[in-house]
Protein backbone atom coordinates (compact mmCIF):
# COMPACT_ATOMS: atom_id res chain seq x y z
CA MET A 1 0.00 0.00 0.00
CA LYS A 2 1.29 3.43 -0.96
CA ARG A 3 0.52 6.52 1.13
CA ILE A 4 1.61 10.11 0.47
CA ILE A 5 2.82 11.97 3.56
CA ALA A 6 2.69 15.77 3.72
CA SER A 7 3.34 17.88 6.81
CA PRO A 8 2.34 21.54 7.02
CA LYS A 9 5.30 21.91 9.41
CA ALA A 10 7.80 21.18 6.61
CA PRO A 11 8.23 23.20 3.42
CA ALA A 12 6.04 22.27 0.48
CA ALA A 13 7.74 20.41 -2.35
CA VAL A 14 9.43 22.77 -4.81
CA GLY A 15 8.73 20.48 -7.76
CA PRO A 16 6.61 17.56 -8.94
CA TYR A 17 7.32 15.25 -5.97
CA SER A 18 5.97 14.43 -2.51
CA GLN A 19 7.56 15.31 0.82
CA ALA A 20 7.45 11.59 1.57
CA VAL A 21 5.92 8.34 0.40
CA GLU A 22 5.22 5.39 2.68
CA VAL A 23 5.07 1.93 1.12
CA ASN A 24 4.41 -1.17 3.24
CA GLY A 25 5.68 0.56 6.40
CA THR A 26 8.83 2.03 4.86
CA LEU A 27 8.93 5.82 4.66
CA TYR A 28 10.95 7.48 1.90
CA ILE A 29 11.53 11.16 2.70
CA SER A 30 12.53 13.41 -0.19
CA GLY A 31 15.63 15.54 0.16
CA GLN A 32 14.88 18.36 2.57
CA LEU A 33 16.35 21.75 1.89
CA PRO A 34 16.88 24.02 4.90
CA ILE A 35 13.79 26.10 4.18
CA ASN A 36 11.86 27.41 7.17
CA PRO A 37 8.25 26.39 6.41
CA GLU A 38 6.82 29.46 8.18
CA THR A 39 8.94 32.11 6.48
CA GLY A 40 10.14 30.44 3.28
CA THR A 41 13.68 31.59 4.07
CA MET A 42 16.92 29.70 4.63
CA PRO A 43 19.34 30.35 7.48
CA GLU A 44 22.90 31.36 6.64
CA THR A 45 25.37 28.97 8.29
CA ILE A 46 25.90 25.28 7.58
CA GLU A 47 25.02 24.50 11.20
CA GLU A 48 21.71 26.38 11.00
CA GLN A 49 20.93 24.91 7.59
CA THR A 50 21.65 21.36 8.79
CA ARG A 51 19.39 21.90 11.81
CA GLN A 52 16.56 23.24 9.61
CA SER A 53 16.82 20.34 7.16
CA LEU A 54 16.66 17.89 10.06
CA GLU A 55 13.76 19.75 11.68
CA ASN A 56 11.91 19.43 8.37
CA ILE A 57 12.63 15.69 8.34
CA GLY A 58 11.43 15.49 11.95
CA ALA A 59 8.11 17.13 11.04
CA ILE A 60 7.57 14.65 8.21
CA LEU A 61 8.51 11.72 10.44
CA LYS A 62 6.01 12.91 13.05
CA GLU A 63 3.28 13.28 10.42
CA ALA A 64 3.90 9.63 9.50
CA GLY A 65 3.82 8.52 13.16
CA LYS A 66 7.58 7.98 13.34
CA ASP A 67 10.63 9.70 14.84
CA PHE A 68 14.39 9.82 14.32
CA SER A 69 14.82 6.40 15.96
CA ASN A 70 12.97 4.91 12.97
CA VAL A 71 15.47 6.28 10.43
CA VAL A 72 17.63 3.55 8.88
CA LYS A 73 19.40 5.45 6.07
CA THR A 74 20.18 9.04 5.17
CA THR A 75 21.91 10.77 2.32
CA VAL A 76 23.52 14.15 2.94
CA LEU A 77 24.39 16.43 0.03
CA LEU A 78 26.81 19.29 0.72
CA ASP A 79 27.81 22.07 -1.63
CA ASN A 80 31.21 22.10 0.11
CA ILE A 81 32.71 18.97 1.70
CA ALA A 82 34.76 21.28 3.95
CA ASP A 83 31.48 21.76 5.85
CA PHE A 84 31.41 18.05 6.75
CA ALA A 85 32.58 18.41 10.38
CA ALA A 86 30.19 21.28 11.15
CA MET A 87 27.26 19.43 9.54
CA ASN A 88 28.22 16.23 11.35
CA ALA A 89 28.21 17.93 14.77
CA VAL A 90 24.60 19.07 14.33
CA TYR A 91 23.57 15.76 12.69
CA ALA A 92 24.87 13.87 15.76
CA GLU A 93 22.39 15.76 17.97
CA TYR A 94 19.48 14.14 16.10
CA PHE A 95 20.86 10.61 15.84
CA THR A 96 22.07 9.72 19.32
CA SER A 97 21.72 5.92 19.41
CA ASP A 98 21.32 3.17 16.81
CA LYS A 99 22.59 5.57 14.17
CA PRO A 100 21.36 5.07 10.61
CA ALA A 101 23.51 4.14 7.66
CA ARG A 102 24.57 7.24 5.73
CA ALA A 103 26.18 8.50 2.57
CA CYS A 104 27.53 12.04 2.25
CA PHE A 105 28.55 13.68 -1.02
CA GLU A 106 29.81 17.02 -2.22
CA VAL A 107 27.75 18.24 -5.16
CA ALA A 108 28.31 21.08 -7.61
CA ALA A 109 25.21 22.95 -6.49
CA LEU A 110 21.93 22.50 -4.63
CA PRO A 111 18.50 24.01 -5.34
CA LYS A 112 18.02 27.58 -4.13
CA ALA A 113 21.78 27.80 -3.42
CA ALA A 114 21.42 25.75 -0.23
CA LYS A 115 24.53 24.48 1.52
CA VAL A 116 22.93 21.14 2.50
CA GLU A 117 20.09 18.80 1.56
CA ILE A 118 19.23 15.64 3.50
CA GLU A 119 16.99 12.70 2.55
CA ALA A 120 15.99 9.80 4.77
CA ILE A 121 14.44 6.35 4.82
CA ALA A 122 12.59 5.19 7.94
CA VAL A 123 10.84 1.97 8.98
């Protein structure tokens, strides 16, 4: 069974995709840019942007009846791999035990000139 998940506490999709799709109990969360859903703005620093992206993921998880402990895999996209340590410090605040598998890549650019985008899979 396929179910579309949309939280008003996370930014609306900026293209033809869903915030998340749940299939047979597995939740696939689209990459979350660090957009504040109330203001439509992005914070400046990599730390603030990482926190906002993860807060957006948290809102979607909650909408689906899950939390960060349900996350089994993430992918982190950075526009500058030199920001890895700063991103990682904030990321560690959200995943404190039974940490998910993760991939992290530097990319040439992200939508809306973001510094970070994070996607997740939860069960």
